[in-house]
């Protein structure tokens, strides 16, 4: 982590200011991405919301039915995605 707080400026005014973690919690979604194989099919992937994952019947069924689970990773929103949500603009590169 490179900073304690982040501010987003929209039309010359600070529209959001908070810690990176607080902004990610407020604006972001935390998902779990599962990459798996089913039988002879090519690799497939699905995403599920992290909240309530242990009770998500689709997630549990996928784990039971997939012939091979390759990876399970959490996906967290980026500050760039939050910037786009807050300002409605893409970052200039």
C-alpha atoms as a PDB file:
ATOM      1  CA  UNK A   1       0.000   0.000   0.000  1.00  0.00           C
ATOM      2  CA  UNK A   2       1.472   3.313  -1.085  1.00  0.00           C
ATOM      3  CA  UNK A   3      -0.827   5.780   0.657  1.00  0.00           C
ATOM      4  CA  UNK A   4      -2.997   6.227   3.730  1.00  0.00           C
ATOM      5  CA  UNK A   5      -5.841   8.063   1.966  1.00  0.00           C
ATOM      6  CA  UNK A   6      -7.074   8.547  -1.578  1.00  0.00           C
ATOM      7  CA  UNK A   7      -9.125  11.462  -2.898  1.00  0.00           C
ATOM      8  CA  UNK A   8     -11.082  11.527  -6.156  1.00  0.00           C
ATOM      9  CA  UNK A   9     -11.684  14.943  -7.688  1.00  0.00           C
ATOM     10  CA  UNK A  10     -14.689  15.472  -9.940  1.00  0.00           C
ATOM     11  CA  UNK A  11     -15.306  18.838 -11.618  1.00  0.00           C
ATOM     12  CA  UNK A  12     -12.748  20.516  -9.349  1.00  0.00           C
ATOM     13  CA  UNK A  13     -14.238  19.183  -6.103  1.00  0.00           C
ATOM     14  CA  UNK A  14     -13.281  16.272  -3.893  1.00  0.00           C
ATOM     15  CA  UNK A  15     -16.064  13.772  -4.481  1.00  0.00           C
ATOM     16  CA  UNK A  16     -14.653  10.960  -2.329  1.00  0.00           C
ATOM     17  CA  UNK A  17     -11.834  10.716   0.188  1.00  0.00           C
ATOM     18  CA  UNK A  18     -11.010   7.725   2.362  1.00  0.00           C
ATOM     19  CA  UNK A  19      -8.507   4.949   2.893  1.00  0.00           C
ATOM     20  CA  UNK A  20      -7.999   2.565  -0.029  1.00  0.00           C
ATOM     21  CA  UNK A  21      -9.501  -0.317   1.981  1.00  0.00           C
ATOM     22  CA  UNK A  22     -12.580   1.676   2.983  1.00  0.00           C
ATOM     23  CA  UNK A  23     -13.167   2.771  -0.623  1.00  0.00           C
ATOM     24  CA  UNK A  24     -12.850  -0.821  -1.830  1.00  0.00           C
ATOM     25  CA  UNK A  25     -15.357  -1.984   0.782  1.00  0.00           C
ATOM     26  CA  UNK A  26     -17.815   0.779  -0.055  1.00  0.00           C
ATOM     27  CA  UNK A  27     -17.637   0.697  -3.858  1.00  0.00           C
ATOM     28  CA  UNK A  28     -16.264  -2.690  -4.700  1.00  0.00           C
ATOM     29  CA  UNK A  29     -17.521  -6.175  -5.051  1.00  0.00           C
ATOM     30  CA  UNK A  30     -15.539  -9.080  -3.755  1.00  0.00           C
ATOM     31  CA  UNK A  31     -15.979 -12.166  -5.854  1.00  0.00           C
ATOM     32  CA  UNK A  32     -14.500 -15.617  -6.032  1.00  0.00           C
ATOM     33  CA  UNK A  33     -13.438 -16.864  -9.461  1.00  0.00           C
ATOM     34  CA  UNK A  34     -13.350 -20.629  -9.977  1.00  0.00           C
ATOM     35  CA  UNK A  35     -11.511 -22.071 -12.973  1.00  0.00           C
ATOM     36  CA  UNK A  36     -12.429 -25.702 -13.556  1.00  0.00           C
ATOM     37  CA  UNK A  37     -12.811 -28.544 -16.030  1.00  0.00           C
ATOM     38  CA  UNK A  38     -15.913 -30.616 -16.507  1.00  0.00           C
ATOM     39  CA  UNK A  39     -15.228 -33.980 -18.093  1.00  0.00           C
ATOM     40  CA  UNK A  40     -13.579 -33.588 -21.478  1.00  0.00           C
ATOM     41  CA  UNK A  41     -14.743 -29.992 -21.944  1.00  0.00           C
ATOM     42  CA  UNK A  42     -12.278 -27.159 -22.207  1.00  0.00           C
ATOM     43  CA  UNK A  43     -11.478 -25.049 -19.187  1.00  0.00           C
ATOM     44  CA  UNK A  44     -14.360 -22.934 -17.899  1.00  0.00           C
ATOM     45  CA  UNK A  45     -14.747 -20.293 -15.227  1.00  0.00           C
ATOM     46  CA  UNK A  46     -17.472 -18.837 -13.039  1.00  0.00           C
ATOM     47  CA  UNK A  47     -17.620 -16.037 -10.503  1.00  0.00           C
ATOM     48  CA  UNK A  48     -19.568 -15.996  -7.262  1.00  0.00           C
ATOM     49  CA  UNK A  49     -20.069 -13.258  -4.637  1.00  0.00           C
ATOM     50  CA  UNK A  50     -17.773 -13.844  -1.664  1.00  0.00           C
ATOM     51  CA  UNK A  51     -20.485 -12.908   0.841  1.00  0.00           C
ATOM     52  CA  UNK A  52     -22.438 -16.031   1.730  1.00  0.00           C
ATOM     53  CA  UNK A  53     -20.207 -18.249  -0.391  1.00  0.00           C
ATOM     54  CA  UNK A  54     -20.444 -21.187   2.017  1.00  0.00           C
ATOM     55  CA  UNK A  55     -24.220 -21.256   1.543  1.00  0.00           C
ATOM     56  CA  UNK A  56     -24.268 -20.581  -2.216  1.00  0.00           C
ATOM     57  CA  UNK A  57     -25.874 -23.689  -3.730  1.00  0.00           C
ATOM     58  CA  UNK A  58     -24.485 -22.989  -7.227  1.00  0.00           C
ATOM     59  CA  UNK A  59     -20.930 -22.721  -5.850  1.00  0.00           C
ATOM     60  CA  UNK A  60     -21.277 -25.899  -3.789  1.00  0.00           C
ATOM     61  CA  UNK A  61     -22.755 -27.800  -6.731  1.00  0.00           C
ATOM     62  CA  UNK A  62     -19.914 -26.656  -8.991  1.00  0.00           C
ATOM     63  CA  UNK A  63     -17.338 -27.948  -6.508  1.00  0.00           C
ATOM     64  CA  UNK A  64     -19.150 -31.285  -6.319  1.00  0.00           C
ATOM     65  CA  UNK A  65     -19.732 -31.732 -10.041  1.00  0.00           C
ATOM     66  CA  UNK A  66     -16.561 -30.344 -11.632  1.00  0.00           C
ATOM     67  CA  UNK A  67     -14.179 -33.094 -12.644  1.00  0.00           C
ATOM     68  CA  UNK A  68     -11.222 -30.895 -11.729  1.00  0.00           C
ATOM     69  CA  UNK A  69     -10.993 -27.498 -10.024  1.00  0.00           C
ATOM     70  CA  UNK A  70      -7.897 -25.703 -11.325  1.00  0.00           C
ATOM     71  CA  UNK A  71      -7.940 -22.566  -9.155  1.00  0.00           C
ATOM     72  CA  UNK A  72     -10.100 -20.596  -6.751  1.00  0.00           C
ATOM     73  CA  UNK A  73      -9.142 -16.923  -6.380  1.00  0.00           C
ATOM     74  CA  UNK A  74     -10.722 -13.934  -4.726  1.00  0.00           C
ATOM     75  CA  UNK A  75     -11.260 -10.935  -6.986  1.00  0.00           C
ATOM     76  CA  UNK A  76     -11.148  -7.469  -5.452  1.00  0.00           C
ATOM     77  CA  UNK A  77     -12.065  -4.239  -7.172  1.00  0.00           C
ATOM     78  CA  UNK A  78      -9.257  -1.851  -8.085  1.00  0.00           C
ATOM     79  CA  UNK A  79      -8.917   1.842  -7.278  1.00  0.00           C
ATOM     80  CA  UNK A  80      -9.080   2.435 -11.035  1.00  0.00           C
ATOM     81  CA  UNK A  81     -12.535   0.828 -11.182  1.00  0.00           C
ATOM     82  CA  UNK A  82     -13.639   2.904  -8.197  1.00  0.00           C
ATOM     83  CA  UNK A  83     -12.330   6.062  -9.914  1.00  0.00           C
ATOM     84  CA  UNK A  84     -14.429   5.255 -12.998  1.00  0.00           C
ATOM     85  CA  UNK A  85     -17.511   4.640 -10.836  1.00  0.00           C
ATOM     86  CA  UNK A  86     -17.061   7.850  -8.826  1.00  0.00           C
ATOM     87  CA  UNK A  87     -16.091  10.207 -11.660  1.00  0.00           C
ATOM     88  CA  UNK A  88     -17.753   8.536 -14.627  1.00  0.00           C
ATOM     89  CA  UNK A  89     -14.495   8.901 -16.569  1.00  0.00           C
ATOM     90  CA  UNK A  90     -11.737   6.560 -17.697  1.00  0.00           C
ATOM     91  CA  UNK A  91      -8.170   7.233 -16.590  1.00  0.00           C
ATOM     92  CA  UNK A  92      -5.914   8.865 -19.178  1.00  0.00           C
ATOM     93  CA  UNK A  93      -2.965   6.655 -19.982  1.00  0.00           C
END
